[in-house]
Amino acid sequence: MQLITIDIKSNNQTVTEALAQFLVELESYKKGGYKVMKVIHGYGSHGVGGAIRTAFLKKCKELKNRKQIEDFTCCDKWTPQNVVRKIAINYCADLLADRELYNLNPGCSIVIM
C-alpha cells in the first residue's frame, strides 16, 4: 500500500491548527483504507516545530490508548529493533525506500492507523 505523507508544520499553523489538520487527515485516510501515514511535524530547529512535535506525540499516545490508532513512533527511533517499524513495513513496503526515515529524523513520525 502507498505511503501517505502529511505536513502539519509548514504553513505557520498554531499547535491547535496543526493537530486539527492531523485529525481530519487521519480520519480521511483511515476511511480510504490506508494503514500507514508519515507525519512531518518538525522538531524545533527554527523555534516553532518543537511545540507541534510535543503536542502531536501526546495526541498520538492518547489516540493509541483509546484504540483510535494502532501505534506510532517518532522517526528518530526508526531502528531495526523498533517493533512499530516492523509492523509498519509489513503494511507499507514504501517505507523501505524512504531515506528520511533511515536518517533518524526527529521531525517526522509514522502512525499506524
N, C-alpha and C. Protein backbone atom coordinates (compact mmCIF):
# COMPACT_ATOMS: atom_id res chain seq x y z
N MET A 1 0.83 -1.18 0.00
CA MET A 1 0.00 0.00 0.00
C MET A 1 0.88 1.25 0.00
N GLN A 2 0.42 2.29 -0.62
CA GLN A 2 1.14 3.55 -0.77
C GLN A 2 1.30 4.28 0.56
N LEU A 3 2.45 4.89 0.76
CA LEU A 3 2.72 5.70 1.95
C LEU A 3 2.10 7.07 1.77
N ILE A 4 1.31 7.49 2.74
CA ILE A 4 0.72 8.82 2.77
C ILE A 4 1.61 9.70 3.63
N THR A 5 1.92 10.90 3.16
CA THR A 5 2.70 11.86 3.93
C THR A 5 1.90 13.14 4.08
N ILE A 6 1.77 13.61 5.31
CA ILE A 6 1.15 14.92 5.54
C ILE A 6 2.13 15.81 6.28
N ASP A 7 2.02 17.10 6.05
CA ASP A 7 2.90 18.09 6.67
C ASP A 7 2.04 19.00 7.53
N ILE A 8 2.22 18.94 8.83
CA ILE A 8 1.42 19.77 9.73
C ILE A 8 2.22 20.92 10.33
N LYS A 9 3.43 21.16 9.84
CA LYS A 9 4.26 22.21 10.43
C LYS A 9 4.56 23.38 9.49
N SER A 10 4.38 23.22 8.21
CA SER A 10 4.94 24.19 7.26
C SER A 10 4.12 25.44 6.97
N ASN A 11 2.86 25.46 7.34
CA ASN A 11 2.03 26.61 6.97
C ASN A 11 1.86 27.61 8.10
N ASN A 12 2.87 27.73 8.96
CA ASN A 12 2.81 28.66 10.10
C ASN A 12 1.56 28.46 10.94
N GLN A 13 1.18 27.20 11.10
CA GLN A 13 0.00 26.88 11.88
C GLN A 13 0.31 26.93 13.37
N THR A 14 -0.74 27.18 14.15
CA THR A 14 -0.62 27.04 15.59
C THR A 14 -0.64 25.55 15.91
N VAL A 15 -0.33 25.22 17.14
CA VAL A 15 -0.40 23.82 17.57
C VAL A 15 -1.82 23.29 17.38
N THR A 16 -2.80 24.07 17.76
CA THR A 16 -4.20 23.66 17.64
C THR A 16 -4.57 23.40 16.18
N GLU A 17 -4.15 24.27 15.29
CA GLU A 17 -4.44 24.10 13.86
C GLU A 17 -3.74 22.87 13.30
N ALA A 18 -2.49 22.66 13.72
CA ALA A 18 -1.72 21.50 13.23
C ALA A 18 -2.37 20.19 13.67
N LEU A 19 -2.79 20.13 14.93
CA LEU A 19 -3.45 18.91 15.42
C LEU A 19 -4.79 18.70 14.74
N ALA A 20 -5.52 19.77 14.50
CA ALA A 20 -6.81 19.64 13.80
C ALA A 20 -6.60 19.09 12.40
N GLN A 21 -5.58 19.60 11.69
CA GLN A 21 -5.27 19.09 10.35
C GLN A 21 -4.95 17.60 10.42
N PHE A 22 -4.11 17.21 11.37
CA PHE A 22 -3.74 15.80 11.52
C PHE A 22 -4.98 14.93 11.73
N LEU A 23 -5.86 15.34 12.63
CA LEU A 23 -7.04 14.53 12.94
C LEU A 23 -7.99 14.39 11.75
N VAL A 24 -8.16 15.48 11.00
CA VAL A 24 -9.01 15.42 9.80
C VAL A 24 -8.42 14.48 8.76
N GLU A 25 -7.12 14.62 8.51
CA GLU A 25 -6.47 13.77 7.51
C GLU A 25 -6.39 12.32 7.97
N LEU A 26 -6.17 12.10 9.24
CA LEU A 26 -6.14 10.74 9.79
C LEU A 26 -7.47 10.04 9.52
N GLU A 27 -8.56 10.67 9.84
CA GLU A 27 -9.88 10.07 9.62
C GLU A 27 -10.15 9.82 8.15
N SER A 28 -9.76 10.78 7.32
CA SER A 28 -9.98 10.66 5.88
C SER A 28 -9.21 9.46 5.31
N TYR A 29 -7.95 9.33 5.66
CA TYR A 29 -7.14 8.23 5.13
C TYR A 29 -7.56 6.88 5.73
N LYS A 30 -7.97 6.88 6.99
CA LYS A 30 -8.48 5.63 7.58
C LYS A 30 -9.71 5.15 6.81
N LYS A 31 -10.61 6.06 6.50
CA LYS A 31 -11.81 5.71 5.74
C LYS A 31 -11.45 5.23 4.34
N GLY A 32 -10.34 5.74 3.81
CA GLY A 32 -9.89 5.33 2.49
C GLY A 32 -9.15 4.00 2.49
N GLY A 33 -8.98 3.39 3.65
CA GLY A 33 -8.36 2.08 3.74
C GLY A 33 -6.84 2.09 3.90
N TYR A 34 -6.26 3.24 4.09
CA TYR A 34 -4.81 3.32 4.29
C TYR A 34 -4.46 2.86 5.70
N LYS A 35 -3.25 2.32 5.86
CA LYS A 35 -2.83 1.80 7.16
C LYS A 35 -1.66 2.56 7.77
N VAL A 36 -0.87 3.27 6.95
CA VAL A 36 0.33 3.92 7.46
C VAL A 36 0.39 5.35 6.94
N MET A 37 0.76 6.26 7.84
CA MET A 37 0.88 7.67 7.49
C MET A 37 2.19 8.22 8.07
N LYS A 38 2.91 8.96 7.26
CA LYS A 38 4.08 9.69 7.76
C LYS A 38 3.64 11.13 8.00
N VAL A 39 3.93 11.63 9.18
CA VAL A 39 3.53 12.99 9.56
C VAL A 39 4.79 13.81 9.80
N ILE A 40 4.91 14.90 9.05
CA ILE A 40 6.02 15.83 9.24
C ILE A 40 5.54 16.90 10.22
N HIS A 41 6.16 16.90 11.40
CA HIS A 41 5.73 17.81 12.46
C HIS A 41 6.83 18.76 12.91
N GLY A 42 8.03 18.60 12.39
CA GLY A 42 9.14 19.44 12.82
C GLY A 42 9.65 19.01 14.19
N TYR A 43 10.78 19.61 14.57
CA TYR A 43 11.35 19.25 15.87
C TYR A 43 11.89 20.44 16.62
N GLY A 44 11.65 21.65 16.10
CA GLY A 44 12.03 22.84 16.84
C GLY A 44 13.30 23.51 16.37
N SER A 45 13.83 23.11 15.22
CA SER A 45 15.09 23.69 14.76
C SER A 45 14.97 25.18 14.44
N HIS A 46 13.77 25.65 14.11
CA HIS A 46 13.55 27.07 13.83
C HIS A 46 12.72 27.72 14.92
N GLY A 47 12.60 27.06 16.04
CA GLY A 47 11.90 27.63 17.17
C GLY A 47 10.40 27.41 17.19
N VAL A 48 9.84 26.71 16.19
CA VAL A 48 8.39 26.53 16.17
C VAL A 48 7.95 25.06 16.14
N GLY A 49 8.71 24.20 15.53
CA GLY A 49 8.28 22.81 15.37
C GLY A 49 8.23 22.02 16.65
N GLY A 50 8.99 22.42 17.64
CA GLY A 50 9.06 21.67 18.88
C GLY A 50 7.72 21.57 19.59
N ALA A 51 6.95 22.64 19.61
CA ALA A 51 5.65 22.63 20.28
C ALA A 51 4.68 21.72 19.54
N ILE A 52 4.71 21.77 18.22
CA ILE A 52 3.84 20.90 17.43
C ILE A 52 4.24 19.44 17.65
N ARG A 53 5.53 19.16 17.62
CA ARG A 53 6.00 17.78 17.83
C ARG A 53 5.54 17.24 19.17
N THR A 54 5.74 18.01 20.22
CA THR A 54 5.36 17.59 21.56
C THR A 54 3.86 17.31 21.65
N ALA A 55 3.05 18.23 21.13
CA ALA A 55 1.59 18.06 21.17
C ALA A 55 1.14 16.89 20.30
N PHE A 56 1.79 16.73 19.14
CA PHE A 56 1.45 15.63 18.24
C PHE A 56 1.71 14.28 18.90
N LEU A 57 2.88 14.12 19.51
CA LEU A 57 3.22 12.85 20.14
C LEU A 57 2.29 12.56 21.33
N LYS A 58 1.92 13.59 22.07
CA LYS A 58 0.96 13.42 23.16
C LYS A 58 -0.40 12.99 22.62
N LYS A 59 -0.83 13.60 21.52
CA LYS A 59 -2.12 13.25 20.91
C LYS A 59 -2.08 11.80 20.40
N CYS A 60 -0.97 11.39 19.80
CA CYS A 60 -0.86 10.00 19.31
C CYS A 60 -0.94 9.01 20.46
N LYS A 61 -0.31 9.33 21.58
CA LYS A 61 -0.39 8.45 22.74
C LYS A 61 -1.84 8.32 23.21
N GLU A 62 -2.53 9.44 23.24
CA GLU A 62 -3.95 9.45 23.62
C GLU A 62 -4.79 8.62 22.64
N LEU A 63 -4.55 8.80 21.34
CA LEU A 63 -5.30 8.05 20.32
C LEU A 63 -5.02 6.56 20.42
N LYS A 64 -3.79 6.20 20.69
CA LYS A 64 -3.44 4.78 20.85
C LYS A 64 -4.14 4.20 22.08
N ASN A 65 -4.12 4.93 23.18
CA ASN A 65 -4.78 4.46 24.40
C ASN A 65 -6.28 4.27 24.20
N ARG A 66 -6.88 5.09 23.34
CA ARG A 66 -8.32 4.97 23.05
C ARG A 66 -8.59 4.02 21.88
N LYS A 67 -7.51 3.39 21.39
CA LYS A 67 -7.59 2.43 20.28
C LYS A 67 -8.12 3.05 18.98
N GLN A 68 -7.81 4.35 18.79
CA GLN A 68 -8.19 5.03 17.55
C GLN A 68 -7.08 4.95 16.51
N ILE A 69 -5.87 4.63 16.96
CA ILE A 69 -4.78 4.27 16.05
C ILE A 69 -4.15 3.01 16.63
N GLU A 70 -3.50 2.25 15.76
CA GLU A 70 -2.85 1.02 16.23
C GLU A 70 -1.58 1.33 17.00
N ASP A 71 -0.73 2.21 16.44
CA ASP A 71 0.53 2.55 17.11
C ASP A 71 1.18 3.71 16.37
N PHE A 72 2.32 4.16 16.90
CA PHE A 72 3.07 5.25 16.28
C PHE A 72 4.51 5.20 16.78
N THR A 73 5.40 5.86 16.05
CA THR A 73 6.77 6.03 16.51
C THR A 73 7.35 7.28 15.86
N CYS A 74 8.16 7.98 16.61
CA CYS A 74 8.89 9.10 16.03
C CYS A 74 10.05 8.52 15.22
N CYS A 75 10.36 9.15 14.12
CA CYS A 75 11.35 8.58 13.20
C CYS A 75 12.77 8.61 13.75
N ASP A 76 13.01 9.35 14.83
CA ASP A 76 14.35 9.28 15.43
C ASP A 76 14.56 7.96 16.17
N LYS A 77 13.52 7.15 16.23
CA LYS A 77 13.61 5.81 16.84
C LYS A 77 13.43 4.71 15.77
N TRP A 78 13.61 5.06 14.50
CA TRP A 78 13.39 4.15 13.37
C TRP A 78 14.59 3.22 13.21
N THR A 79 14.75 2.31 14.15
CA THR A 79 15.86 1.38 14.13
C THR A 79 15.33 -0.03 13.85
N PRO A 80 16.20 -0.96 13.47
CA PRO A 80 15.74 -2.32 13.20
C PRO A 80 15.06 -3.00 14.40
N GLN A 81 15.35 -2.55 15.61
CA GLN A 81 14.76 -3.15 16.79
C GLN A 81 13.36 -2.59 17.11
N ASN A 82 12.97 -1.52 16.46
CA ASN A 82 11.70 -0.86 16.74
C ASN A 82 10.53 -1.72 16.25
N VAL A 83 9.67 -2.14 17.17
CA VAL A 83 8.55 -3.02 16.84
C VAL A 83 7.56 -2.32 15.89
N VAL A 84 7.31 -1.04 16.13
CA VAL A 84 6.38 -0.29 15.27
C VAL A 84 6.91 -0.25 13.84
N ARG A 85 8.21 -0.11 13.69
CA ARG A 85 8.84 -0.10 12.36
C ARG A 85 8.54 -1.41 11.62
N LYS A 86 8.71 -2.51 12.31
CA LYS A 86 8.48 -3.82 11.69
C LYS A 86 7.03 -3.97 11.24
N ILE A 87 6.09 -3.56 12.08
CA ILE A 87 4.66 -3.65 11.73
C ILE A 87 4.35 -2.73 10.56
N ALA A 88 4.85 -1.50 10.62
CA ALA A 88 4.57 -0.52 9.56
C ALA A 88 5.08 -0.99 8.21
N ILE A 89 6.27 -1.56 8.17
CA ILE A 89 6.83 -2.05 6.91
C ILE A 89 5.99 -3.20 6.36
N ASN A 90 5.44 -4.02 7.24
CA ASN A 90 4.55 -5.10 6.77
C ASN A 90 3.32 -4.53 6.08
N TYR A 91 2.81 -3.42 6.57
CA TYR A 91 1.65 -2.77 5.96
C TYR A 91 2.00 -1.96 4.72
N CYS A 92 3.20 -1.39 4.71
CA CYS A 92 3.55 -0.44 3.65
C CYS A 92 5.02 -0.58 3.28
N ALA A 93 5.28 -1.35 2.25
CA ALA A 93 6.67 -1.59 1.81
C ALA A 93 7.34 -0.31 1.30
N ASP A 94 6.56 0.73 0.95
CA ASP A 94 7.15 2.00 0.51
C ASP A 94 8.07 2.59 1.57
N LEU A 95 7.87 2.23 2.81
CA LEU A 95 8.72 2.74 3.89
C LEU A 95 10.18 2.33 3.71
N LEU A 96 10.41 1.21 3.06
CA LEU A 96 11.78 0.74 2.85
C LEU A 96 12.59 1.70 1.98
N ALA A 97 11.92 2.45 1.12
CA ALA A 97 12.62 3.36 0.20
C ALA A 97 12.67 4.80 0.70
N ASP A 98 12.11 5.09 1.85
CA ASP A 98 12.05 6.46 2.36
C ASP A 98 13.33 6.77 3.12
N ARG A 99 14.27 7.45 2.48
CA ARG A 99 15.58 7.75 3.06
C ARG A 99 15.48 8.63 4.31
N GLU A 100 14.47 9.49 4.36
CA GLU A 100 14.31 10.37 5.51
C GLU A 100 14.18 9.57 6.81
N LEU A 101 13.53 8.43 6.73
CA LEU A 101 13.34 7.61 7.91
C LEU A 101 14.66 7.03 8.41
N TYR A 102 15.51 6.66 7.51
CA TYR A 102 16.75 6.00 7.89
C TYR A 102 17.82 6.98 8.34
N ASN A 103 17.52 8.27 8.28
CA ASN A 103 18.41 9.29 8.83
C ASN A 103 18.02 9.62 10.27
N LEU A 104 17.07 8.86 10.83
CA LEU A 104 16.60 9.04 12.20
C LEU A 104 16.14 10.48 12.44
N ASN A 105 15.31 10.96 11.54
CA ASN A 105 14.81 12.33 11.55
C ASN A 105 13.82 12.56 12.70
N PRO A 106 14.14 13.43 13.65
CA PRO A 106 13.22 13.69 14.75
C PRO A 106 12.04 14.58 14.37
N GLY A 107 12.02 15.06 13.13
CA GLY A 107 10.97 15.96 12.68
C GLY A 107 9.78 15.29 12.02
N CYS A 108 9.74 13.96 12.05
CA CYS A 108 8.59 13.25 11.49
C CYS A 108 8.31 11.99 12.29
N SER A 109 7.11 11.48 12.12
CA SER A 109 6.68 10.27 12.81
C SER A 109 5.89 9.40 11.87
N ILE A 110 5.80 8.13 12.22
CA ILE A 110 4.97 7.18 11.49
C ILE A 110 3.80 6.79 12.38
N VAL A 111 2.61 6.84 11.79
CA VAL A 111 1.39 6.46 12.50
C VAL A 111 0.79 5.25 11.78
N ILE A 112 0.53 4.20 12.53
CA ILE A 112 -0.17 3.03 12.00
C ILE A 112 -1.64 3.21 12.36
N MET A 113 -2.46 3.32 11.33
CA MET A 113 -3.87 3.59 11.56
C MET A 113 -4.58 2.30 11.84
